[in-house]
mmCIF file of all heavy atoms, coordinates in Angstrom:
data_MODEL
# 
_entry.id   MODEL 
# 
loop_
_atom_site.group_PDB 
_atom_site.id 
_atom_site.type_symbol 
_atom_site.label_atom_id 
_atom_site.label_alt_id 
_atom_site.label_comp_id 
_atom_site.label_asym_id 
_atom_site.label_entity_id 
_atom_site.label_seq_id 
_atom_site.pdbx_PDB_ins_code 
_atom_site.Cartn_x 
_atom_site.Cartn_y 
_atom_site.Cartn_z 
_atom_site.occupancy 
_atom_site.B_iso_or_equiv 
_atom_site.pdbx_formal_charge 
_atom_site.auth_seq_id 
_atom_site.auth_comp_id 
_atom_site.auth_asym_id 
_atom_site.auth_atom_id 
_atom_site.pdbx_PDB_model_num 
ATOM 1   N N   . GLY A 1 1  ? -45.593 0.664   116.763 1.00 0.00 ? 1  GLY A N   1 
ATOM 2   C CA  . GLY A 1 1  ? -44.463 -0.314  116.866 1.00 0.00 ? 1  GLY A CA  1 
ATOM 3   C C   . GLY A 1 1  ? -43.322 0.242   117.750 1.00 0.00 ? 1  GLY A C   1 
ATOM 4   O O   . GLY A 1 1  ? -42.782 -0.549  118.606 1.00 0.00 ? 1  GLY A O   1 
ATOM 5   N N   . MET A 1 2  ? -43.103 1.544   117.743 1.00 0.00 ? 2  MET A N   1 
ATOM 6   C CA  . MET A 1 2  ? -42.058 2.127   118.670 1.00 0.00 ? 2  MET A CA  1 
ATOM 7   C C   . MET A 1 2  ? -42.529 2.070   120.069 1.00 0.00 ? 2  MET A C   1 
ATOM 8   O O   . MET A 1 2  ? -41.687 1.673   121.016 1.00 0.00 ? 2  MET A O   1 
ATOM 9   C CB  . MET A 1 2  ? -41.905 3.585   118.320 1.00 0.00 ? 2  MET A CB  1 
ATOM 10  C CG  . MET A 1 2  ? -41.209 3.848   116.933 1.00 0.00 ? 2  MET A CG  1 
ATOM 11  S SD  . MET A 1 2  ? -41.078 5.639   116.576 1.00 0.00 ? 2  MET A SD  1 
ATOM 12  C CE  . MET A 1 2  ? -40.738 5.636   114.928 1.00 0.00 ? 2  MET A CE  1 
ATOM 13  N N   . VAL A 1 3  ? -43.785 2.234   120.371 1.00 0.00 ? 3  VAL A N   1 
ATOM 14  C CA  . VAL A 1 3  ? -44.238 2.226   121.757 1.00 0.00 ? 3  VAL A CA  1 
ATOM 15  C C   . VAL A 1 3  ? -44.197 0.777   122.255 1.00 0.00 ? 3  VAL A C   1 
ATOM 16  O O   . VAL A 1 3  ? -43.745 0.540   123.376 1.00 0.00 ? 3  VAL A O   1 
ATOM 17  C CB  . VAL A 1 3  ? -45.726 2.750   121.760 1.00 0.00 ? 3  VAL A CB  1 
ATOM 18  C CG1 . VAL A 1 3  ? -46.396 2.502   123.156 1.00 0.00 ? 3  VAL A CG1 1 
ATOM 19  C CG2 . VAL A 1 3  ? -45.834 4.235   121.475 1.00 0.00 ? 3  VAL A CG2 1 
ATOM 20  N N   . PHE A 1 4  ? -44.636 -0.196  121.488 1.00 0.00 ? 4  PHE A N   1 
ATOM 21  C CA  . PHE A 1 4  ? -44.549 -1.551  121.851 1.00 0.00 ? 4  PHE A CA  1 
ATOM 22  C C   . PHE A 1 4  ? -43.102 -1.991  122.118 1.00 0.00 ? 4  PHE A C   1 
ATOM 23  O O   . PHE A 1 4  ? -42.822 -2.734  123.067 1.00 0.00 ? 4  PHE A O   1 
ATOM 24  C CB  . PHE A 1 4  ? -45.167 -2.461  120.910 1.00 0.00 ? 4  PHE A CB  1 
ATOM 25  C CG  . PHE A 1 4  ? -46.667 -2.650  121.125 1.00 0.00 ? 4  PHE A CG  1 
ATOM 26  C CD1 . PHE A 1 4  ? -47.619 -1.882  120.418 1.00 0.00 ? 4  PHE A CD1 1 
ATOM 27  C CD2 . PHE A 1 4  ? -47.158 -3.601  122.076 1.00 0.00 ? 4  PHE A CD2 1 
ATOM 28  C CE1 . PHE A 1 4  ? -48.972 -1.943  120.639 1.00 0.00 ? 4  PHE A CE1 1 
ATOM 29  C CE2 . PHE A 1 4  ? -48.518 -3.767  122.244 1.00 0.00 ? 4  PHE A CE2 1 
ATOM 30  C CZ  . PHE A 1 4  ? -49.470 -2.927  121.530 1.00 0.00 ? 4  PHE A CZ  1 
ATOM 31  N N   . ALA A 1 5  ? -42.189 -1.575  121.240 1.00 0.00 ? 5  ALA A N   1 
ATOM 32  C CA  . ALA A 1 5  ? -40.766 -1.908  121.514 1.00 0.00 ? 5  ALA A CA  1 
ATOM 33  C C   . ALA A 1 5  ? -40.190 -1.370  122.748 1.00 0.00 ? 5  ALA A C   1 
ATOM 34  O O   . ALA A 1 5  ? -39.536 -2.056  123.423 1.00 0.00 ? 5  ALA A O   1 
ATOM 35  C CB  . ALA A 1 5  ? -39.991 -1.428  120.175 1.00 0.00 ? 5  ALA A CB  1 
ATOM 36  N N   . LEU A 1 6  ? -40.545 -0.057  123.063 1.00 0.00 ? 6  LEU A N   1 
ATOM 37  C CA  . LEU A 1 6  ? -40.124 0.589   124.308 1.00 0.00 ? 6  LEU A CA  1 
ATOM 38  C C   . LEU A 1 6  ? -40.748 -0.042  125.383 1.00 0.00 ? 6  LEU A C   1 
ATOM 39  O O   . LEU A 1 6  ? -40.018 -0.290  126.439 1.00 0.00 ? 6  LEU A O   1 
ATOM 40  C CB  . LEU A 1 6  ? -40.450 2.100   124.234 1.00 0.00 ? 6  LEU A CB  1 
ATOM 41  C CG  . LEU A 1 6  ? -40.020 2.823   125.426 1.00 0.00 ? 6  LEU A CG  1 
ATOM 42  C CD1 . LEU A 1 6  ? -38.522 2.816   125.575 1.00 0.00 ? 6  LEU A CD1 1 
ATOM 43  C CD2 . LEU A 1 6  ? -40.446 4.261   125.292 1.00 0.00 ? 6  LEU A CD2 1 
ATOM 44  N N   . ALA A 1 7  ? -42.125 -0.382  125.341 1.00 0.00 ? 7  ALA A N   1 
ATOM 45  C CA  . ALA A 1 7  ? -42.716 -1.011  126.460 1.00 0.00 ? 7  ALA A CA  1 
ATOM 46  C C   . ALA A 1 7  ? -42.082 -2.397  126.800 1.00 0.00 ? 7  ALA A C   1 
ATOM 47  O O   . ALA A 1 7  ? -41.946 -2.708  128.029 1.00 0.00 ? 7  ALA A O   1 
ATOM 48  C CB  . ALA A 1 7  ? -44.196 -1.153  126.176 1.00 0.00 ? 7  ALA A CB  1 
ATOM 49  N N   . GLY A 1 8  ? -41.813 -3.156  125.706 1.00 0.00 ? 8  GLY A N   1 
ATOM 50  C CA  . GLY A 1 8  ? -41.183 -4.450  125.995 1.00 0.00 ? 8  GLY A CA  1 
ATOM 51  C C   . GLY A 1 8  ? -39.876 -4.340  126.691 1.00 0.00 ? 8  GLY A C   1 
ATOM 52  O O   . GLY A 1 8  ? -39.564 -5.079  127.526 1.00 0.00 ? 8  GLY A O   1 
ATOM 53  N N   . LEU A 1 9  ? -39.049 -3.261  126.225 1.00 0.00 ? 9  LEU A N   1 
ATOM 54  C CA  . LEU A 1 9  ? -37.737 -3.211  126.812 1.00 0.00 ? 9  LEU A CA  1 
ATOM 55  C C   . LEU A 1 9  ? -37.962 -2.784  128.281 1.00 0.00 ? 9  LEU A C   1 
ATOM 56  O O   . LEU A 1 9  ? -37.129 -3.273  129.187 1.00 0.00 ? 9  LEU A O   1 
ATOM 57  C CB  . LEU A 1 9  ? -36.999 -2.030  126.065 1.00 0.00 ? 9  LEU A CB  1 
ATOM 58  C CG  . LEU A 1 9  ? -35.612 -1.683  126.588 1.00 0.00 ? 9  LEU A CG  1 
ATOM 59  C CD1 . LEU A 1 9  ? -34.604 -2.900  126.578 1.00 0.00 ? 9  LEU A CD1 1 
ATOM 60  C CD2 . LEU A 1 9  ? -35.069 -0.565  125.780 1.00 0.00 ? 9  LEU A CD2 1 
ATOM 61  N N   . VAL A 1 10 ? -38.800 -1.782  128.578 1.00 0.00 ? 10 VAL A N   1 
ATOM 62  C CA  . VAL A 1 10 ? -39.051 -1.376  129.971 1.00 0.00 ? 10 VAL A CA  1 
ATOM 63  C C   . VAL A 1 10 ? -39.510 -2.565  130.804 1.00 0.00 ? 10 VAL A C   1 
ATOM 64  O O   . VAL A 1 10 ? -38.971 -2.648  131.986 1.00 0.00 ? 10 VAL A O   1 
ATOM 65  C CB  . VAL A 1 10 ? -40.007 -0.158  130.040 1.00 0.00 ? 10 VAL A CB  1 
ATOM 66  C CG1 . VAL A 1 10 ? -40.435 0.183   131.427 1.00 0.00 ? 10 VAL A CG1 1 
ATOM 67  C CG2 . VAL A 1 10 ? -39.402 1.027   129.303 1.00 0.00 ? 10 VAL A CG2 1 
ATOM 68  N N   . ALA A 1 11 ? -40.416 -3.235  130.367 1.00 0.00 ? 11 ALA A N   1 
ATOM 69  C CA  . ALA A 1 11 ? -40.927 -4.475  131.089 1.00 0.00 ? 11 ALA A CA  1 
ATOM 70  C C   . ALA A 1 11 ? -39.834 -5.450  131.405 1.00 0.00 ? 11 ALA A C   1 
ATOM 71  O O   . ALA A 1 11 ? -39.738 -5.939  132.516 1.00 0.00 ? 11 ALA A O   1 
ATOM 72  C CB  . ALA A 1 11 ? -41.997 -5.152  130.337 1.00 0.00 ? 11 ALA A CB  1 
ATOM 73  N N   . TYR A 1 12 ? -39.002 -5.756  130.430 1.00 0.00 ? 12 TYR A N   1 
ATOM 74  C CA  . TYR A 1 12 ? -37.808 -6.595  130.735 1.00 0.00 ? 12 TYR A CA  1 
ATOM 75  C C   . TYR A 1 12 ? -36.926 -6.056  131.773 1.00 0.00 ? 12 TYR A C   1 
ATOM 76  O O   . TYR A 1 12 ? -36.358 -6.850  132.585 1.00 0.00 ? 12 TYR A O   1 
ATOM 77  C CB  . TYR A 1 12 ? -37.090 -6.927  129.415 1.00 0.00 ? 12 TYR A CB  1 
ATOM 78  C CG  . TYR A 1 12 ? -36.173 -8.079  129.484 1.00 0.00 ? 12 TYR A CG  1 
ATOM 79  C CD1 . TYR A 1 12 ? -36.522 -9.410  129.240 1.00 0.00 ? 12 TYR A CD1 1 
ATOM 80  C CD2 . TYR A 1 12 ? -34.768 -7.950  129.877 1.00 0.00 ? 12 TYR A CD2 1 
ATOM 81  C CE1 . TYR A 1 12 ? -35.622 -10.462 129.342 1.00 0.00 ? 12 TYR A CE1 1 
ATOM 82  C CE2 . TYR A 1 12 ? -33.829 -8.994  130.024 1.00 0.00 ? 12 TYR A CE2 1 
ATOM 83  C CZ  . TYR A 1 12 ? -34.387 -10.243 129.736 1.00 0.00 ? 12 TYR A CZ  1 
ATOM 84  O OH  . TYR A 1 12 ? -33.494 -11.266 129.797 1.00 0.00 ? 12 TYR A OH  1 
ATOM 85  N N   . ILE A 1 13 ? -36.593 -4.707  131.653 1.00 0.00 ? 13 ILE A N   1 
ATOM 86  C CA  . ILE A 1 13 ? -35.731 -4.128  132.638 1.00 0.00 ? 13 ILE A CA  1 
ATOM 87  C C   . ILE A 1 13 ? -36.322 -4.219  134.020 1.00 0.00 ? 13 ILE A C   1 
ATOM 88  O O   . ILE A 1 13 ? -35.676 -4.468  135.055 1.00 0.00 ? 13 ILE A O   1 
ATOM 89  C CB  . ILE A 1 13 ? -35.379 -2.671  132.291 1.00 0.00 ? 13 ILE A CB  1 
ATOM 90  C CG1 . ILE A 1 13 ? -34.721 -2.601  131.015 1.00 0.00 ? 13 ILE A CG1 1 
ATOM 91  C CG2 . ILE A 1 13 ? -34.735 -1.860  133.398 1.00 0.00 ? 13 ILE A CG2 1 
ATOM 92  C CD1 . ILE A 1 13 ? -34.410 -1.193  130.495 1.00 0.00 ? 13 ILE A CD1 1 
ATOM 93  N N   . VAL A 1 14 ? -37.635 -3.973  134.149 1.00 0.00 ? 14 VAL A N   1 
ATOM 94  C CA  . VAL A 1 14 ? -38.294 -3.977  135.480 1.00 0.00 ? 14 VAL A CA  1 
ATOM 95  C C   . VAL A 1 14 ? -38.256 -5.319  136.039 1.00 0.00 ? 14 VAL A C   1 
ATOM 96  O O   . VAL A 1 14 ? -37.970 -5.543  137.256 1.00 0.00 ? 14 VAL A O   1 
ATOM 97  C CB  . VAL A 1 14 ? -39.775 -3.502  135.313 1.00 0.00 ? 14 VAL A CB  1 
ATOM 98  C CG1 . VAL A 1 14 ? -40.543 -3.723  136.667 1.00 0.00 ? 14 VAL A CG1 1 
ATOM 99  C CG2 . VAL A 1 14 ? -39.792 -1.985  134.928 1.00 0.00 ? 14 VAL A CG2 1 
ATOM 100 N N   . TYR A 1 15 ? -38.438 -6.386  135.271 1.00 0.00 ? 15 TYR A N   1 
ATOM 101 C CA  . TYR A 1 15 ? -38.498 -7.788  135.761 1.00 0.00 ? 15 TYR A CA  1 
ATOM 102 C C   . TYR A 1 15 ? -37.210 -8.542  135.477 1.00 0.00 ? 15 TYR A C   1 
ATOM 103 O O   . TYR A 1 15 ? -37.182 -9.740  135.520 1.00 0.00 ? 15 TYR A O   1 
ATOM 104 C CB  . TYR A 1 15 ? -39.644 -8.519  135.144 1.00 0.00 ? 15 TYR A CB  1 
ATOM 105 C CG  . TYR A 1 15 ? -40.991 -7.928  135.542 1.00 0.00 ? 15 TYR A CG  1 
ATOM 106 C CD1 . TYR A 1 15 ? -41.755 -7.074  134.661 1.00 0.00 ? 15 TYR A CD1 1 
ATOM 107 C CD2 . TYR A 1 15 ? -41.602 -8.297  136.809 1.00 0.00 ? 15 TYR A CD2 1 
ATOM 108 C CE1 . TYR A 1 15 ? -42.954 -6.634  135.093 1.00 0.00 ? 15 TYR A CE1 1 
ATOM 109 C CE2 . TYR A 1 15 ? -42.810 -7.798  137.138 1.00 0.00 ? 15 TYR A CE2 1 
ATOM 110 C CZ  . TYR A 1 15 ? -43.490 -6.848  136.281 1.00 0.00 ? 15 TYR A CZ  1 
ATOM 111 O OH  . TYR A 1 15 ? -44.699 -6.470  136.650 1.00 0.00 ? 15 TYR A OH  1 
ATOM 112 N N   . PHE A 1 16 ? -36.145 -7.821  135.251 1.00 0.00 ? 16 PHE A N   1 
ATOM 113 C CA  . PHE A 1 16 ? -34.874 -8.437  134.908 1.00 0.00 ? 16 PHE A CA  1 
ATOM 114 C C   . PHE A 1 16 ? -34.394 -9.318  136.006 1.00 0.00 ? 16 PHE A C   1 
ATOM 115 O O   . PHE A 1 16 ? -33.851 -10.371 135.703 1.00 0.00 ? 16 PHE A O   1 
ATOM 116 C CB  . PHE A 1 16 ? -33.810 -7.283  134.582 1.00 0.00 ? 16 PHE A CB  1 
ATOM 117 C CG  . PHE A 1 16 ? -32.398 -7.889  134.313 1.00 0.00 ? 16 PHE A CG  1 
ATOM 118 C CD1 . PHE A 1 16 ? -32.220 -8.476  133.029 1.00 0.00 ? 16 PHE A CD1 1 
ATOM 119 C CD2 . PHE A 1 16 ? -31.461 -7.885  135.217 1.00 0.00 ? 16 PHE A CD2 1 
ATOM 120 C CE1 . PHE A 1 16 ? -30.913 -9.005  132.797 1.00 0.00 ? 16 PHE A CE1 1 
ATOM 121 C CE2 . PHE A 1 16 ? -30.182 -8.364  134.975 1.00 0.00 ? 16 PHE A CE2 1 
ATOM 122 C CZ  . PHE A 1 16 ? -29.923 -9.068  133.693 1.00 0.00 ? 16 PHE A CZ  1 
ATOM 123 N N   . GLY A 1 17 ? -34.515 -8.915  137.184 1.00 0.00 ? 17 GLY A N   1 
ATOM 124 C CA  . GLY A 1 17 ? -34.035 -9.713  138.315 1.00 0.00 ? 17 GLY A CA  1 
ATOM 125 C C   . GLY A 1 17 ? -34.838 -11.023 138.339 1.00 0.00 ? 17 GLY A C   1 
ATOM 126 O O   . GLY A 1 17 ? -34.180 -12.079 138.596 1.00 0.00 ? 17 GLY A O   1 
ATOM 127 N N   . ASP A 1 18 ? -36.154 -11.090 138.189 1.00 0.00 ? 18 ASP A N   1 
ATOM 128 C CA  . ASP A 1 18 ? -36.839 -12.258 138.315 1.00 0.00 ? 18 ASP A CA  1 
ATOM 129 C C   . ASP A 1 18 ? -36.537 -13.135 137.100 1.00 0.00 ? 18 ASP A C   1 
ATOM 130 O O   . ASP A 1 18 ? -36.463 -14.452 137.283 1.00 0.00 ? 18 ASP A O   1 
ATOM 131 C CB  . ASP A 1 18 ? -38.380 -11.981 138.280 1.00 0.00 ? 18 ASP A CB  1 
ATOM 132 C CG  . ASP A 1 18 ? -38.823 -11.233 139.574 1.00 0.00 ? 18 ASP A CG  1 
ATOM 133 O OD1 . ASP A 1 18 ? -38.086 -11.373 140.603 1.00 0.00 ? 18 ASP A OD1 1 
ATOM 134 O OD2 . ASP A 1 18 ? -39.775 -10.508 139.543 1.00 0.00 ? 18 ASP A OD2 1 
ATOM 135 N N   . ILE A 1 19 ? -36.417 -12.476 135.928 1.00 0.00 ? 19 ILE A N   1 
ATOM 136 C CA  . ILE A 1 19 ? -36.194 -13.288 134.675 1.00 0.00 ? 19 ILE A CA  1 
ATOM 137 C C   . ILE A 1 19 ? -34.829 -13.921 134.793 1.00 0.00 ? 19 ILE A C   1 
ATOM 138 O O   . ILE A 1 19 ? -34.516 -15.081 134.483 1.00 0.00 ? 19 ILE A O   1 
ATOM 139 C CB  . ILE A 1 19 ? -36.195 -12.433 133.453 1.00 0.00 ? 19 ILE A CB  1 
ATOM 140 C CG1 . ILE A 1 19 ? -37.663 -11.890 133.248 1.00 0.00 ? 19 ILE A CG1 1 
ATOM 141 C CG2 . ILE A 1 19 ? -35.765 -13.131 132.211 1.00 0.00 ? 19 ILE A CG2 1 
ATOM 142 C CD1 . ILE A 1 19 ? -37.791 -10.891 132.179 1.00 0.00 ? 19 ILE A CD1 1 
ATOM 143 N N   . SER A 1 20 ? -33.842 -13.130 135.279 1.00 0.00 ? 20 SER A N   1 
ATOM 144 C CA  . SER A 1 20 ? -32.393 -13.645 135.489 1.00 0.00 ? 20 SER A CA  1 
ATOM 145 C C   . SER A 1 20 ? -32.378 -14.886 136.441 1.00 0.00 ? 20 SER A C   1 
ATOM 146 O O   . SER A 1 20 ? -31.726 -15.906 136.174 1.00 0.00 ? 20 SER A O   1 
ATOM 147 C CB  . SER A 1 20 ? -31.552 -12.585 135.959 1.00 0.00 ? 20 SER A CB  1 
ATOM 148 O OG  . SER A 1 20 ? -30.276 -13.060 136.145 1.00 0.00 ? 20 SER A OG  1 
ATOM 149 N N   . ASN A 1 21 ? -33.137 -14.716 137.580 1.00 0.00 ? 21 ASN A N   1 
ATOM 150 C CA  . ASN A 1 21 ? -33.228 -15.897 138.509 1.00 0.00 ? 21 ASN A CA  1 
ATOM 151 C C   . ASN A 1 21 ? -33.945 -17.099 137.907 1.00 0.00 ? 21 ASN A C   1 
ATOM 152 O O   . ASN A 1 21 ? -33.458 -18.192 138.150 1.00 0.00 ? 21 ASN A O   1 
ATOM 153 C CB  . ASN A 1 21 ? -33.942 -15.377 139.770 1.00 0.00 ? 21 ASN A CB  1 
ATOM 154 C CG  . ASN A 1 21 ? -33.171 -14.373 140.577 1.00 0.00 ? 21 ASN A CG  1 
ATOM 155 O OD1 . ASN A 1 21 ? -31.895 -14.334 140.469 1.00 0.00 ? 21 ASN A OD1 1 
ATOM 156 N ND2 . ASN A 1 21 ? -33.840 -13.581 141.288 1.00 0.00 ? 21 ASN A ND2 1 
ATOM 157 N N   . ASN A 1 22 ? -34.998 -16.895 137.117 1.00 0.00 ? 22 ASN A N   1 
ATOM 158 C CA  . ASN A 1 22 ? -35.634 -17.976 136.490 1.00 0.00 ? 22 ASN A CA  1 
ATOM 159 C C   . ASN A 1 22 ? -34.751 -18.705 135.507 1.00 0.00 ? 22 ASN A C   1 
ATOM 160 O O   . ASN A 1 22 ? -34.794 -19.962 135.301 1.00 0.00 ? 22 ASN A O   1 
ATOM 161 C CB  . ASN A 1 22 ? -36.933 -17.528 135.889 1.00 0.00 ? 22 ASN A CB  1 
ATOM 162 C CG  . ASN A 1 22 ? -37.964 -17.142 136.883 1.00 0.00 ? 22 ASN A CG  1 
ATOM 163 O OD1 . ASN A 1 22 ? -38.037 -17.601 138.053 1.00 0.00 ? 22 ASN A OD1 1 
ATOM 164 N ND2 . ASN A 1 22 ? -38.865 -16.223 136.504 1.00 0.00 ? 22 ASN A ND2 1 
ATOM 165 N N   . ILE A 1 23 ? -33.964 -17.981 134.756 1.00 0.00 ? 23 ILE A N   1 
ATOM 166 C CA  . ILE A 1 23 ? -33.116 -18.555 133.709 1.00 0.00 ? 23 ILE A CA  1 
ATOM 167 C C   . ILE A 1 23 ? -31.917 -19.290 134.282 1.00 0.00 ? 23 ILE A C   1 
ATOM 168 O O   . ILE A 1 23 ? -31.585 -20.359 133.984 1.00 0.00 ? 23 ILE A O   1 
ATOM 169 C CB  . ILE A 1 23 ? -32.590 -17.451 132.746 1.00 0.00 ? 23 ILE A CB  1 
ATOM 170 C CG1 . ILE A 1 23 ? -33.877 -16.925 131.958 1.00 0.00 ? 23 ILE A CG1 1 
ATOM 171 C CG2 . ILE A 1 23 ? -31.574 -18.047 131.789 1.00 0.00 ? 23 ILE A CG2 1 
ATOM 172 C CD1 . ILE A 1 23 ? -33.398 -15.800 130.983 1.00 0.00 ? 23 ILE A CD1 1 
ATOM 173 N N   . SER A 1 24 ? -31.304 -18.657 135.369 1.00 0.00 ? 24 SER A N   1 
ATOM 174 C CA  . SER A 1 24 ? -30.105 -19.110 135.854 1.00 0.00 ? 24 SER A CA  1 
ATOM 175 C C   . SER A 1 24 ? -30.185 -19.834 137.140 1.00 0.00 ? 24 SER A C   1 
ATOM 176 O O   . SER A 1 24 ? -29.167 -20.585 137.519 1.00 0.00 ? 24 SER A O   1 
ATOM 177 C CB  . SER A 1 24 ? -29.133 -17.852 135.974 1.00 0.00 ? 24 SER A CB  1 
ATOM 178 O OG  . SER A 1 24 ? -29.631 -17.005 137.041 1.00 0.00 ? 24 SER A OG  1 
ATOM 179 N N   . GLY A 1 25 ? -31.260 -19.753 137.969 1.00 0.00 ? 25 GLY A N   1 
ATOM 180 C CA  . GLY A 1 25 ? -31.226 -20.337 139.266 1.00 0.00 ? 25 GLY A CA  1 
ATOM 181 C C   . GLY A 1 25 ? -30.331 -19.463 140.156 1.00 0.00 ? 25 GLY A C   1 
ATOM 182 O O   . GLY A 1 25 ? -30.084 -18.370 139.951 1.00 0.00 ? 25 GLY A O   1 
ATOM 183 N N   . ASP A 1 26 ? -29.885 -20.156 141.226 1.00 0.00 ? 26 ASP A N   1 
ATOM 184 C CA  . ASP A 1 26 ? -29.071 -19.337 142.245 1.00 0.00 ? 26 ASP A CA  1 
ATOM 185 C C   . ASP A 1 26 ? -27.546 -19.192 141.919 1.00 0.00 ? 26 ASP A C   1 
ATOM 186 O O   . ASP A 1 26 ? -27.067 -18.173 142.072 1.00 0.00 ? 26 ASP A O   1 
ATOM 187 C CB  . ASP A 1 26 ? -29.144 -20.205 143.599 1.00 0.00 ? 26 ASP A CB  1 
ATOM 188 C CG  . ASP A 1 26 ? -30.474 -20.263 144.110 1.00 0.00 ? 26 ASP A CG  1 
ATOM 189 O OD1 . ASP A 1 26 ? -31.386 -19.323 143.849 1.00 0.00 ? 26 ASP A OD1 1 
ATOM 190 O OD2 . ASP A 1 26 ? -30.803 -21.170 144.883 1.00 0.00 ? 26 ASP A OD2 1 
# 
């Protein structure tokens, strides 16, 4: 559970820019 939680957090950080753009647009 700890590994998956950390992996999910790292994945979100790595793709934060793309996720932010998809949520918010320009």
